């Protein structure tokens, strides 16, 4: 029941929603494979070749702008609403099926000790 591209295009959002979703997927993959910042380490050595100091520099990747955050949040919100509706529908189907089961069918199911789950 994973979200599909059709789910993305089926939201109430206007504009290039699917293309934005694809861009976000590419960015997510990029940031999973590349750290957010870049580090460089250097050493100062004396004439005998012994280290006398080090320097560590870092360059952060730019943070996303406000528009990017709002668009991403809007898409995430719409998709979370879709997932919530699907979960509610599935729970209703399971409850309907459970109500239709006989006592004999229930007795054949394994017991789950929920007291031990706490």
PDB file of N, CA and C in Angstrom:
ATOM      1  N   UNK A   1       0.820  -1.188   0.000  1.00  0.00           N
ATOM      2  CA  UNK A   1       0.000   0.000   0.000  1.00  0.00           C
ATOM      3  C   UNK A   1       0.869   1.259   0.000  1.00  0.00           C
ATOM      4  N   UNK A   2       2.040   1.186  -0.606  1.00  0.00           N
ATOM      5  CA  UNK A   2       2.914   2.360  -0.665  1.00  0.00           C
ATOM      6  C   UNK A   2       2.279   3.437  -1.533  1.00  0.00           C
ATOM      7  N   UNK A   3       2.641   4.679  -1.248  1.00  0.00           N
ATOM      8  CA  UNK A   3       2.143   5.786  -2.062  1.00  0.00           C
ATOM      9  C   UNK A   3       2.713   5.695  -3.471  1.00  0.00           C
ATOM     10  N   UNK A   4       1.906   6.077  -4.441  1.00  0.00           N
ATOM     11  CA  UNK A   4       2.318   6.034  -5.844  1.00  0.00           C
ATOM     12  C   UNK A   4       2.340   7.446  -6.411  1.00  0.00           C
ATOM     13  N   UNK A   5       2.851   7.570  -7.620  1.00  0.00           N
ATOM     14  CA  UNK A   5       2.834   8.874  -8.289  1.00  0.00           C
ATOM     15  C   UNK A   5       1.400   9.311  -8.561  1.00  0.00           C
ATOM     16  N   UNK A   6       0.500   8.368  -8.769  1.00  0.00           N
ATOM     17  CA  UNK A   6      -0.906   8.705  -8.970  1.00  0.00           C
ATOM     18  C   UNK A   6      -1.499   9.316  -7.696  1.00  0.00           C
ATOM     19  N   UNK A   7      -1.037   8.849  -6.542  1.00  0.00           N
ATOM     20  CA  UNK A   7      -1.480   9.449  -5.287  1.00  0.00           C
ATOM     21  C   UNK A   7      -1.047  10.904  -5.212  1.00  0.00           C
ATOM     22  N   UNK A   8       0.164  11.173  -5.658  1.00  0.00           N
ATOM     23  CA  UNK A   8       0.684  12.540  -5.630  1.00  0.00           C
ATOM     24  C   UNK A   8      -0.134  13.437  -6.552  1.00  0.00           C
ATOM     25  N   UNK A   9      -0.400  12.968  -7.764  1.00  0.00           N
ATOM     26  CA  UNK A   9      -1.160  13.788  -8.708  1.00  0.00           C
ATOM     27  C   UNK A   9      -2.629  13.880  -8.311  1.00  0.00           C
ATOM     28  N   UNK A  10      -3.088  12.977  -7.462  1.00  0.00           N
ATOM     29  CA  UNK A  10      -4.478  12.989  -7.027  1.00  0.00           C
ATOM     30  C   UNK A  10      -4.753  13.928  -5.859  1.00  0.00           C
ATOM     31  N   UNK A  11      -3.722  14.606  -5.359  1.00  0.00           N
ATOM     32  CA  UNK A  11      -3.947  15.551  -4.259  1.00  0.00           C
ATOM     33  C   UNK A  11      -4.654  16.793  -4.782  1.00  0.00           C
ATOM     34  N   UNK A  12      -5.101  17.629  -3.869  1.00  0.00           N
ATOM     35  CA  UNK A  12      -5.786  18.856  -4.260  1.00  0.00           C
ATOM     36  C   UNK A  12      -4.816  19.988  -4.587  1.00  0.00           C
ATOM     37  N   UNK A  13      -3.526  19.719  -4.513  1.00  0.00           N
ATOM     38  CA  UNK A  13      -2.523  20.754  -4.772  1.00  0.00           C
ATOM     39  C   UNK A  13      -2.457  21.070  -6.260  1.00  0.00           C
ATOM     40  N   UNK A  14      -2.229  22.330  -6.568  1.00  0.00           N
ATOM     41  CA  UNK A  14      -2.144  22.797  -7.953  1.00  0.00           C
ATOM     42  C   UNK A  14      -0.678  22.908  -8.365  1.00  0.00           C
ATOM     43  N   UNK A  15      -0.429  22.887  -9.651  1.00  0.00           N
ATOM     44  CA  UNK A  15       0.923  23.106 -10.160  1.00  0.00           C
ATOM     45  C   UNK A  15       1.646  21.806 -10.473  1.00  0.00           C
ATOM     46  N   UNK A  16       2.948  21.900 -10.523  1.00  0.00           N
ATOM     47  CA  UNK A  16       3.821  20.791 -10.916  1.00  0.00           C
ATOM     48  C   UNK A  16       4.105  19.873  -9.719  1.00  0.00           C
ATOM     49  N   UNK A  17       3.054  19.346  -9.121  1.00  0.00           N
ATOM     50  CA  UNK A  17       3.190  18.557  -7.899  1.00  0.00           C
ATOM     51  C   UNK A  17       4.020  17.296  -8.137  1.00  0.00           C
ATOM     52  N   UNK A  18       3.755  16.597  -9.213  1.00  0.00           N
ATOM     53  CA  UNK A  18       4.483  15.360  -9.481  1.00  0.00           C
ATOM     54  C   UNK A  18       5.959  15.647  -9.735  1.00  0.00           C
ATOM     55  N   UNK A  19       6.262  16.682 -10.492  1.00  0.00           N
ATOM     56  CA  UNK A  19       7.663  17.021 -10.751  1.00  0.00           C
ATOM     57  C   UNK A  19       8.360  17.403  -9.445  1.00  0.00           C
ATOM     58  N   UNK A  20       7.674  18.142  -8.584  1.00  0.00           N
ATOM     59  CA  UNK A  20       8.241  18.520  -7.284  1.00  0.00           C
ATOM     60  C   UNK A  20       8.513  17.273  -6.451  1.00  0.00           C
ATOM     61  N   UNK A  21       7.583  16.342  -6.464  1.00  0.00           N
ATOM     62  CA  UNK A  21       7.760  15.080  -5.740  1.00  0.00           C
ATOM     63  C   UNK A  21       8.994  14.339  -6.259  1.00  0.00           C
ATOM     64  N   UNK A  22       9.167  14.304  -7.562  1.00  0.00           N
ATOM     65  CA  UNK A  22      10.336  13.638  -8.154  1.00  0.00           C
ATOM     66  C   UNK A  22      11.631  14.342  -7.770  1.00  0.00           C
ATOM     67  N   UNK A  23      11.607  15.665  -7.748  1.00  0.00           N
ATOM     68  CA  UNK A  23      12.790  16.425  -7.325  1.00  0.00           C
ATOM     69  C   UNK A  23      13.128  16.079  -5.879  1.00  0.00           C
ATOM     70  N   UNK A  24      12.117  16.034  -5.016  1.00  0.00           N
ATOM     71  CA  UNK A  24      12.355  15.702  -3.611  1.00  0.00           C
ATOM     72  C   UNK A  24      12.942  14.305  -3.460  1.00  0.00           C
ATOM     73  N   UNK A  25      12.467  13.373  -4.260  1.00  0.00           N
ATOM     74  CA  UNK A  25      13.021  12.010  -4.201  1.00  0.00           C
ATOM     75  C   UNK A  25      14.485  12.001  -4.618  1.00  0.00           C
ATOM     76  N   UNK A  26      14.830  12.772  -5.672  1.00  0.00           N
ATOM     77  CA  UNK A  26      16.240  12.855  -6.100  1.00  0.00           C
ATOM     78  C   UNK A  26      17.088  13.521  -5.029  1.00  0.00           C
ATOM     79  N   UNK A  27      16.575  14.581  -4.415  1.00  0.00           N
ATOM     80  CA  UNK A  27      17.315  15.257  -3.348  1.00  0.00           C
ATOM     81  C   UNK A  27      17.513  14.335  -2.151  1.00  0.00           C
ATOM     82  N   UNK A  28      16.483  13.599  -1.797  1.00  0.00           N
ATOM     83  CA  UNK A  28      16.601  12.672  -0.667  1.00  0.00           C
ATOM     84  C   UNK A  28      17.700  11.649  -0.932  1.00  0.00           C
ATOM     85  N   UNK A  29      17.736  11.119  -2.134  1.00  0.00           N
ATOM     86  CA  UNK A  29      18.779  10.154  -2.489  1.00  0.00           C
ATOM     87  C   UNK A  29      20.158  10.803  -2.442  1.00  0.00           C
ATOM     88  N   UNK A  30      20.254  12.031  -2.949  1.00  0.00           N
ATOM     89  CA  UNK A  30      21.527  12.750  -2.932  1.00  0.00           C
ATOM     90  C   UNK A  30      22.021  12.941  -1.500  1.00  0.00           C
ATOM     91  N   UNK A  31      21.142  13.401  -0.600  1.00  0.00           N
ATOM     92  CA  UNK A  31      21.565  13.684   0.764  1.00  0.00           C
ATOM     93  C   UNK A  31      21.790  12.415   1.575  1.00  0.00           C
ATOM     94  N   UNK A  32      21.183  11.296   1.157  1.00  0.00           N
ATOM     95  CA  UNK A  32      21.506  10.030   1.818  1.00  0.00           C
ATOM     96  C   UNK A  32      22.913   9.585   1.459  1.00  0.00           C
ATOM     97  N   UNK A  33      23.357   9.897   0.243  1.00  0.00           N
ATOM     98  CA  UNK A  33      24.670   9.444  -0.203  1.00  0.00           C
ATOM     99  C   UNK A  33      25.766  10.499  -0.028  1.00  0.00           C
ATOM    100  N   UNK A  34      25.407  11.734   0.303  1.00  0.00           N
ATOM    101  CA  UNK A  34      26.382  12.807   0.522  1.00  0.00           C
ATOM    102  C   UNK A  34      26.062  13.512   1.836  1.00  0.00           C
ATOM    103  N   UNK A  35      27.055  13.671   2.687  1.00  0.00           N
ATOM    104  CA  UNK A  35      26.781  14.386   3.933  1.00  0.00           C
ATOM    105  C   UNK A  35      26.365  15.833   3.677  1.00  0.00           C
ATOM    106  N   UNK A  36      25.692  16.427   4.656  1.00  0.00           N
ATOM    107  CA  UNK A  36      25.188  17.798   4.502  1.00  0.00           C
ATOM    108  C   UNK A  36      26.310  18.813   4.405  1.00  0.00           C
ATOM    109  N   UNK A  37      27.409  18.591   5.088  1.00  0.00           N
ATOM    110  CA  UNK A  37      28.541  19.512   5.038  1.00  0.00           C
ATOM    111  C   UNK A  37      29.774  18.817   4.493  1.00  0.00           C
ATOM    112  N   UNK A  38      30.734  19.618   4.094  1.00  0.00           N
ATOM    113  CA  UNK A  38      31.999  19.058   3.596  1.00  0.00           C
ATOM    114  C   UNK A  38      33.109  19.491   4.532  1.00  0.00           C
ATOM    115  N   UNK A  39      33.936  18.553   4.911  1.00  0.00           N
ATOM    116  CA  UNK A  39      35.054  18.839   5.803  1.00  0.00           C
ATOM    117  C   UNK A  39      36.368  18.652   5.069  1.00  0.00           C
ATOM    118  N   UNK A  40      37.334  19.498   5.405  1.00  0.00           N
ATOM    119  CA  UNK A  40      38.703  19.353   4.906  1.00  0.00           C
ATOM    120  C   UNK A  40      39.627  19.428   6.105  1.00  0.00           C
ATOM    121  N   UNK A  41      40.639  18.582   6.120  1.00  0.00           N
ATOM    122  CA  UNK A  41      41.602  18.566   7.208  1.00  0.00           C
ATOM    123  C   UNK A  41      42.980  18.750   6.608  1.00  0.00           C
ATOM    124  N   UNK A  42      43.749  19.647   7.192  1.00  0.00           N
ATOM    125  CA  UNK A  42      45.122  19.883   6.743  1.00  0.00           C
ATOM    126  C   UNK A  42      46.047  19.906   7.939  1.00  0.00           C
ATOM    127  N   UNK A  43      47.328  19.744   7.679  1.00  0.00           N
ATOM    128  CA  UNK A  43      48.318  19.755   8.756  1.00  0.00           C
ATOM    129  C   UNK A  43      49.467  20.673   8.372  1.00  0.00           C
ATOM    130  N   UNK A  44      49.995  21.362   9.367  1.00  0.00           N
ATOM    131  CA  UNK A  44      51.205  22.163   9.195  1.00  0.00           C
ATOM    132  C   UNK A  44      52.371  21.331   9.724  1.00  0.00           C
ATOM    133  N   UNK A  45      53.443  21.297   8.989  1.00  0.00           N
ATOM    134  CA  UNK A  45      54.606  20.515   9.412  1.00  0.00           C
ATOM    135  C   UNK A  45      55.832  21.414   9.503  1.00  0.00           C
ATOM    136  N   UNK A  46      56.735  21.039  10.389  1.00  0.00           N
ATOM    137  CA  UNK A  46      57.979  21.795  10.521  1.00  0.00           C
ATOM    138  C   UNK A  46      58.984  21.283   9.494  1.00  0.00           C
ATOM    139  N   UNK A  47      60.155  21.909   9.402  1.00  0.00           N
ATOM    140  CA  UNK A  47      61.149  21.467   8.402  1.00  0.00           C
ATOM    141  C   UNK A  47      61.571  20.015   8.546  1.00  0.00           C
ATOM    142  N   UNK A  48      61.385  19.441   9.735  1.00  0.00           N
ATOM    143  CA  UNK A  48      61.752  18.029   9.924  1.00  0.00           C
ATOM    144  C   UNK A  48      60.620  17.086   9.543  1.00  0.00           C
ATOM    145  N   UNK A  49      59.461  17.630   9.118  1.00  0.00           N
ATOM    146  CA  UNK A  49      58.346  16.801   8.703  1.00  0.00           C
ATOM    147  C   UNK A  49      57.422  16.398   9.829  1.00  0.00           C
ATOM    148  N   UNK A  50      57.562  17.017  11.001  1.00  0.00           N
ATOM    149  CA  UNK A  50      56.691  16.693  12.127  1.00  0.00           C
ATOM    150  C   UNK A  50      55.504  17.654  12.126  1.00  0.00           C
ATOM    151  N   UNK A  51      54.344  17.116  12.445  1.00  0.00           N
ATOM    152  CA  UNK A  51      53.133  17.951  12.502  1.00  0.00           C
ATOM    153  C   UNK A  51      53.259  18.936  13.648  1.00  0.00           C
ATOM    154  N   UNK A  52      52.941  20.205  13.343  1.00  0.00           N
ATOM    155  CA  UNK A  52      52.966  21.240  14.379  1.00  0.00           C
ATOM    156  C   UNK A  52      51.582  21.844  14.602  1.00  0.00           C
ATOM    157  N   UNK A  53      50.641  21.476  13.767  1.00  0.00           N
ATOM    158  CA  UNK A  53      49.288  21.986  13.922  1.00  0.00           C
ATOM    159  C   UNK A  53      48.383  21.410  12.853  1.00  0.00           C
ATOM    160  N   UNK A  54      47.117  21.543  13.085  1.00  0.00           N
ATOM    161  CA  UNK A  54      46.148  21.087  12.097  1.00  0.00           C
ATOM    162  C   UNK A  54      45.130  22.185  11.858  1.00  0.00           C
ATOM    163  N   UNK A  55      44.469  22.099  10.744  1.00  0.00           N
ATOM    164  CA  UNK A  55      43.365  23.023  10.423  1.00  0.00           C
ATOM    165  C   UNK A  55      42.219  22.188   9.875  1.00  0.00           C
ATOM    166  N   UNK A  56      41.042  22.445  10.413  1.00  0.00           N
ATOM    167  CA  UNK A  56      39.838  21.765   9.948  1.00  0.00           C
ATOM    168  C   UNK A  56      38.874  22.834   9.467  1.00  0.00           C
ATOM    169  N   UNK A  57      38.445  22.710   8.235  1.00  0.00           N
ATOM    170  CA  UNK A  57      37.480  23.666   7.698  1.00  0.00           C
ATOM    171  C   UNK A  57      36.239  22.910   7.272  1.00  0.00           C
ATOM    172  N   UNK A  58      35.109  23.597   7.319  1.00  0.00           N
ATOM    173  CA  UNK A  58      33.877  22.969   6.879  1.00  0.00           C
ATOM    174  C   UNK A  58      33.067  23.966   6.064  1.00  0.00           C
ATOM    175  N   UNK A  59      32.339  23.429   5.116  1.00  0.00           N
ATOM    176  CA  UNK A  59      31.441  24.229   4.295  1.00  0.00           C
ATOM    177  C   UNK A  59      30.086  23.544   4.340  1.00  0.00           C
ATOM    178  N   UNK A  60      29.100  24.230   4.901  1.00  0.00           N
ATOM    179  CA  UNK A  60      27.748  23.668   4.964  1.00  0.00           C
ATOM    180  C   UNK A  60      27.038  23.842   3.632  1.00  0.00           C
ATOM    181  N   UNK A  61      26.186  22.874   3.330  1.00  0.00           N
ATOM    182  CA  UNK A  61      25.309  23.018   2.182  1.00  0.00           C
ATOM    183  C   UNK A  61      24.256  24.048   2.550  1.00  0.00           C
ATOM    184  N   UNK A  62      23.782  24.824   1.613  1.00  0.00           N
ATOM    185  CA  UNK A  62      22.773  25.828   1.963  1.00  0.00           C
ATOM    186  C   UNK A  62      21.479  25.172   2.450  1.00  0.00           C
ATOM    187  N   UNK A  63      20.862  25.804   3.429  1.00  0.00           N
ATOM    188  CA  UNK A  63      19.581  25.325   3.951  1.00  0.00           C
ATOM    189  C   UNK A  63      18.485  25.632   2.933  1.00  0.00           C
ATOM    190  N   UNK A  64      17.420  24.839   2.920  1.00  0.00           N
ATOM    191  CA  UNK A  64      16.327  25.120   1.983  1.00  0.00           C
ATOM    192  C   UNK A  64      15.647  26.448   2.316  1.00  0.00           C
ATOM    193  N   UNK A  65      15.153  27.106   1.291  1.00  0.00           N
ATOM    194  CA  UNK A  65      14.466  28.380   1.485  1.00  0.00           C
ATOM    195  C   UNK A  65      13.036  28.145   1.975  1.00  0.00           C
ATOM    196  N   UNK A  66      12.380  29.225   2.417  1.00  0.00           N
ATOM    197  CA  UNK A  66      11.028  29.119   2.986  1.00  0.00           C
ATOM    198  C   UNK A  66      10.029  28.519   2.006  1.00  0.00           C
ATOM    199  N   UNK A  67      10.111  28.896   0.741  1.00  0.00           N
ATOM    200  CA  UNK A  67       9.155  28.381  -0.246  1.00  0.00           C
ATOM    201  C   UNK A  67       9.298  26.870  -0.398  1.00  0.00           C
ATOM    202  N   UNK A  68      10.530  26.404  -0.435  1.00  0.00           N
ATOM    203  CA  UNK A  68      10.780  24.970  -0.547  1.00  0.00           C
ATOM    204  C   UNK A  68      10.179  24.234   0.644  1.00  0.00           C
ATOM    205  N   UNK A  69      10.388  24.792   1.827  1.00  0.00           N
ATOM    206  CA  UNK A  69       9.853  24.158   3.038  1.00  0.00           C
ATOM    207  C   UNK A  69       8.330  24.134   2.998  1.00  0.00           C
ATOM    208  N   UNK A  70       7.707  25.239   2.596  1.00  0.00           N
ATOM    209  CA  UNK A  70       6.232  25.288   2.548  1.00  0.00           C
ATOM    210  C   UNK A  70       5.681  24.309   1.512  1.00  0.00           C
ATOM    211  N   UNK A  71       6.288  24.262   0.326  1.00  0.00           N
ATOM    212  CA  UNK A  71       5.796  23.345  -0.708  1.00  0.00           C
ATOM    213  C   UNK A  71       5.942  21.894  -0.258  1.00  0.00           C
ATOM    214  N   UNK A  72       7.080  21.597   0.327  1.00  0.00           N
ATOM    215  CA  UNK A  72       7.313  20.235   0.792  1.00  0.00           C
ATOM    216  C   UNK A  72       6.348  19.876   1.909  1.00  0.00           C
ATOM    217  N   UNK A  73       6.119  20.810   2.824  1.00  0.00           N
ATOM    218  CA  UNK A  73       5.168  20.571   3.909  1.00  0.00           C
ATOM    219  C   UNK A  73       3.758  20.370   3.399  1.00  0.00           C
ATOM    220  N   UNK A  74       3.350  21.166   2.399  1.00  0.00           N
ATOM    221  CA  UNK A  74       2.007  21.021   1.834  1.00  0.00           C
ATOM    222  C   UNK A  74       1.832  19.647   1.198  1.00  0.00           C
ATOM    223  N   UNK A  75       2.833  19.208   0.445  1.00  0.00           N
ATOM    224  CA  UNK A  75       2.748  17.895  -0.190  1.00  0.00           C
ATOM    225  C   UNK A  75       2.736  16.788   0.865  1.00  0.00           C
ATOM    226  N   UNK A  76       3.598  16.899   1.872  1.00  0.00           N
ATOM    227  CA  UNK A  76       3.630  15.893   2.938  1.00  0.00           C
ATOM    228  C   UNK A  76       2.288  15.838   3.673  1.00  0.00           C
ATOM    229  N   UNK A  77       1.690  16.995   3.935  1.00  0.00           N
ATOM    230  CA  UNK A  77       0.406  17.028   4.627  1.00  0.00           C
ATOM    231  C   UNK A  77      -0.680  16.337   3.795  1.00  0.00           C
ATOM    232  N   UNK A  78      -0.755  16.674   2.505  1.00  0.00           N
ATOM    233  CA  UNK A  78      -1.770  16.051   1.632  1.00  0.00           C
ATOM    234  C   UNK A  78      -1.598  14.536   1.590  1.00  0.00           C
ATOM    235  N   UNK A  79      -0.354  14.081   1.465  1.00  0.00           N
ATOM    236  CA  UNK A  79      -0.112  12.644   1.389  1.00  0.00           C
ATOM    237  C   UNK A  79      -0.376  11.966   2.735  1.00  0.00           C
ATOM    238  N   UNK A  80      -0.097  12.648   3.844  1.00  0.00           N
ATOM    239  CA  UNK A  80      -0.398  12.052   5.151  1.00  0.00           C
ATOM    240  C   UNK A  80      -1.903  11.905   5.348  1.00  0.00           C
ATOM    241  N   UNK A  81      -2.686  12.848   4.821  1.00  0.00           N
ATOM    242  CA  UNK A  81      -4.146  12.738   4.899  1.00  0.00           C
ATOM    243  C   UNK A  81      -4.627  11.532   4.098  1.00  0.00           C
ATOM    244  N   UNK A  82      -4.025  11.316   2.929  1.00  0.00           N
ATOM    245  CA  UNK A  82      -4.370  10.162   2.098  1.00  0.00           C
ATOM    246  C   UNK A  82      -4.053   8.865   2.841  1.00  0.00           C
ATOM    247  N   UNK A  83      -2.879   8.778   3.442  1.00  0.00           N
ATOM    248  CA  UNK A  83      -2.498   7.580   4.188  1.00  0.00           C
ATOM    249  C   UNK A  83      -3.455   7.362   5.364  1.00  0.00           C
ATOM    250  N   UNK A  84      -3.817   8.438   6.055  1.00  0.00           N
ATOM    251  CA  UNK A  84      -4.744   8.323   7.181  1.00  0.00           C
ATOM    252  C   UNK A  84      -6.099   7.776   6.729  1.00  0.00           C
ATOM    253  N   UNK A  85      -6.600   8.269   5.590  1.00  0.00           N
ATOM    254  CA  UNK A  85      -7.884   7.754   5.063  1.00  0.00           C
ATOM    255  C   UNK A  85      -7.766   6.277   4.708  1.00  0.00           C
ATOM    256  N   UNK A  86      -6.667   5.907   4.084  1.00  0.00           N
ATOM    257  CA  UNK A  86      -6.471   4.492   3.726  1.00  0.00           C
ATOM    258  C   UNK A  86      -6.408   3.617   4.972  1.00  0.00           C
ATOM    259  N   UNK A  87      -5.738   4.096   6.005  1.00  0.00           N
ATOM    260  CA  UNK A  87      -5.655   3.317   7.245  1.00  0.00           C
ATOM    261  C   UNK A  87      -7.031   3.149   7.867  1.00  0.00           C
ATOM    262  N   UNK A  88      -7.810   4.211   7.903  1.00  0.00           N
ATOM    263  CA  UNK A  88      -9.159   4.133   8.468  1.00  0.00           C
ATOM    264  C   UNK A  88     -10.017   3.160   7.672  1.00  0.00           C
ATOM    265  N   UNK A  89      -9.935   3.218   6.350  1.00  0.00           N
ATOM    266  CA  UNK A  89     -10.693   2.289   5.504  1.00  0.00           C
ATOM    267  C   UNK A  89     -10.281   0.844   5.785  1.00  0.00           C
ATOM    268  N   UNK A  90      -8.983   0.606   5.887  1.00  0.00           N
ATOM    269  CA  UNK A  90      -8.492  -0.749   6.130  1.00  0.00           C
ATOM    270  C   UNK A  90      -8.929  -1.233   7.514  1.00  0.00           C
ATOM    271  N   UNK A  91      -8.860  -0.360   8.512  1.00  0.00           N
ATOM    272  CA  UNK A  91      -9.304  -0.742   9.851  1.00  0.00           C
ATOM    273  C   UNK A  91     -10.787  -1.095   9.854  1.00  0.00           C
ATOM    274  N   UNK A  92     -11.582  -0.358   9.102  1.00  0.00           N
ATOM    275  CA  UNK A  92     -13.017  -0.643   9.021  1.00  0.00           C
ATOM    276  C   UNK A  92     -13.253  -2.004   8.369  1.00  0.00           C
ATOM    277  N   UNK A  93     -12.493  -2.329   7.322  1.00  0.00           N
ATOM    278  CA  UNK A  93     -12.635  -3.641   6.672  1.00  0.00           C
ATOM    279  C   UNK A  93     -12.261  -4.771   7.632  1.00  0.00           C
ATOM    280  N   UNK A  94     -11.191  -4.570   8.394  1.00  0.00           N
ATOM    281  CA  UNK A  94     -10.772  -5.599   9.349  1.00  0.00           C
ATOM    282  C   UNK A  94     -11.831  -5.770  10.439  1.00  0.00           C
ATOM    283  N   UNK A  95     -12.367  -4.660  10.944  1.00  0.00           N
ATOM    284  CA  UNK A  95     -13.407  -4.745  11.970  1.00  0.00           C
ATOM    285  C   UNK A  95     -14.649  -5.449  11.437  1.00  0.00           C
ATOM    286  N   UNK A  96     -15.052  -5.147  10.222  1.00  0.00           N
ATOM    287  CA  UNK A  96     -16.217  -5.800   9.616  1.00  0.00           C
ATOM    288  C   UNK A  96     -15.980  -7.305   9.511  1.00  0.00           C
ATOM    289  N   UNK A  97     -14.777  -7.684   9.071  1.00  0.00           N
ATOM    290  CA  UNK A  97     -14.450  -9.108   8.959  1.00  0.00           C
ATOM    291  C   UNK A  97     -14.423  -9.770  10.334  1.00  0.00           C
ATOM    292  N   UNK A  98     -13.893  -9.058  11.332  1.00  0.00           N
ATOM    293  CA  UNK A  98     -13.825  -9.623  12.682  1.00  0.00           C
ATOM    294  C   UNK A  98     -15.229  -9.831  13.256  1.00  0.00           C
ATOM    295  N   UNK A  99     -16.118  -8.880  13.024  1.00  0.00           N
ATOM    296  CA  UNK A  99     -17.488  -9.006  13.525  1.00  0.00           C
ATOM    297  C   UNK A  99     -18.225 -10.169  12.886  1.00  0.00           C
ATOM    298  N   UNK A 100     -17.834 -10.541  11.667  1.00  0.00           N
ATOM    299  CA  UNK A 100     -18.497 -11.632  10.958  1.00  0.00           C
ATOM    300  C   UNK A 100     -17.985 -13.009  11.390  1.00  0.00           C
ATOM    301  N   UNK A 101     -16.928 -13.045  12.185  1.00  0.00           N
ATOM    302  CA  UNK A 101     -16.355 -14.323  12.601  1.00  0.00           C
ATOM    303  C   UNK A 101     -17.190 -14.949  13.719  1.00  0.00           C
ATOM    304  N   UNK A 102     -17.259 -16.258  13.693  1.00  0.00           N
ATOM    305  CA  UNK A 102     -17.983 -16.991  14.743  1.00  0.00           C
ATOM    306  C   UNK A 102     -17.064 -17.208  15.945  1.00  0.00           C
ATOM    307  N   UNK A 103     -17.685 -17.599  17.053  1.00  0.00           N
ATOM    308  CA  UNK A 103     -16.910 -17.904  18.260  1.00  0.00           C
ATOM    309  C   UNK A 103     -15.934 -19.046  17.990  1.00  0.00           C
ATOM    310  N   UNK A 104     -16.328 -20.001  17.159  1.00  0.00           N
ATOM    311  CA  UNK A 104     -15.458 -21.136  16.820  1.00  0.00           C
ATOM    312  C   UNK A 104     -14.224 -20.638  16.060  1.00  0.00           C
ATOM    313  N   UNK A 105     -14.444 -19.723  15.118  1.00  0.00           N
ATOM    314  CA  UNK A 105     -13.307 -19.177  14.367  1.00  0.00           C
ATOM    315  C   UNK A 105     -12.360 -18.408  15.289  1.00  0.00           C
ATOM    316  N   UNK A 106     -12.916 -17.662  16.231  1.00  0.00           N
ATOM    317  CA  UNK A 106     -12.082 -16.923  17.178  1.00  0.00           C
ATOM    318  C   UNK A 106     -11.273 -17.866  18.058  1.00  0.00           C
ATOM    319  N   UNK A 107     -11.878 -18.994  18.436  1.00  0.00           N
ATOM    320  CA  UNK A 107     -11.194 -19.927  19.344  1.00  0.00           C
ATOM    321  C   UNK A 107      -9.992 -20.598  18.674  1.00  0.00           C
ATOM    322  N   UNK A 108      -9.952 -20.620  17.350  1.00  0.00           N
ATOM    323  CA  UNK A 108      -8.830 -21.234  16.625  1.00  0.00           C
ATOM    324  C   UNK A 108      -7.636 -20.291  16.464  1.00  0.00           C
ATOM    325  N   UNK A 109      -7.833 -19.018  16.763  1.00  0.00           N
ATOM    326  CA  UNK A 109      -6.745 -18.049  16.614  1.00  0.00           C
ATOM    327  C   UNK A 109      -5.822 -18.071  17.822  1.00  0.00           C
ATOM    328  N   UNK A 110      -4.532 -17.831  17.621  1.00  0.00           N
ATOM    329  CA  UNK A 110      -3.616 -17.807  18.774  1.00  0.00           C
ATOM    330  C   UNK A 110      -3.897 -16.593  19.660  1.00  0.00           C
ATOM    331  N   UNK A 111      -3.717 -16.782  20.962  1.00  0.00           N
ATOM    332  CA  UNK A 111      -3.894 -15.693  21.913  1.00  0.00           C
ATOM    333  C   UNK A 111      -2.633 -14.841  21.940  1.00  0.00           C
ATOM    334  N   UNK A 112      -2.820 -13.557  22.095  1.00  0.00           N
ATOM    335  CA  UNK A 112      -1.700 -12.630  22.215  1.00  0.00           C
ATOM    336  C   UNK A 112      -1.799 -11.975  23.581  1.00  0.00           C
ATOM    337  N   UNK A 113      -0.749 -12.087  24.384  1.00  0.00           N
ATOM    338  CA  UNK A 113      -0.734 -11.519  25.719  1.00  0.00           C
ATOM    339  C   UNK A 113      -0.373 -10.043  25.628  1.00  0.00           C
ATOM    340  N   UNK A 114      -1.382  -9.178  25.668  1.00  0.00           N
ATOM    341  CA  UNK A 114      -1.112  -7.732  25.535  1.00  0.00           C
ATOM    342  C   UNK A 114      -0.632  -7.146  26.858  1.00  0.00           C
ATOM    343  N   UNK A 115      -0.844  -7.832  27.970  1.00  0.00           N
ATOM    344  CA  UNK A 115      -0.349  -7.325  29.252  1.00  0.00           C
ATOM    345  C   UNK A 115       1.167  -7.331  29.258  1.00  0.00           C
ATOM    346  N   UNK A 116       1.770  -8.281  28.575  1.00  0.00           N
ATOM    347  CA  UNK A 116       3.225  -8.386  28.526  1.00  0.00           C
ATOM    348  C   UNK A 116       3.861  -7.403  27.556  1.00  0.00           C
ATOM    349  N   UNK A 117       3.064  -6.672  26.786  1.00  0.00           N
ATOM    350  CA  UNK A 117       3.596  -5.714  25.811  1.00  0.00           C
ATOM    351  C   UNK A 117       3.926  -4.375  26.437  1.00  0.00           C
ATOM    352  N   UNK A 118       3.512  -4.141  27.646  1.00  0.00           N
ATOM    353  CA  UNK A 118       3.721  -2.825  28.263  1.00  0.00           C
ATOM    354  C   UNK A 118       5.127  -2.630  28.704  1.00  0.00           C
TER     355      UNK A 118
END
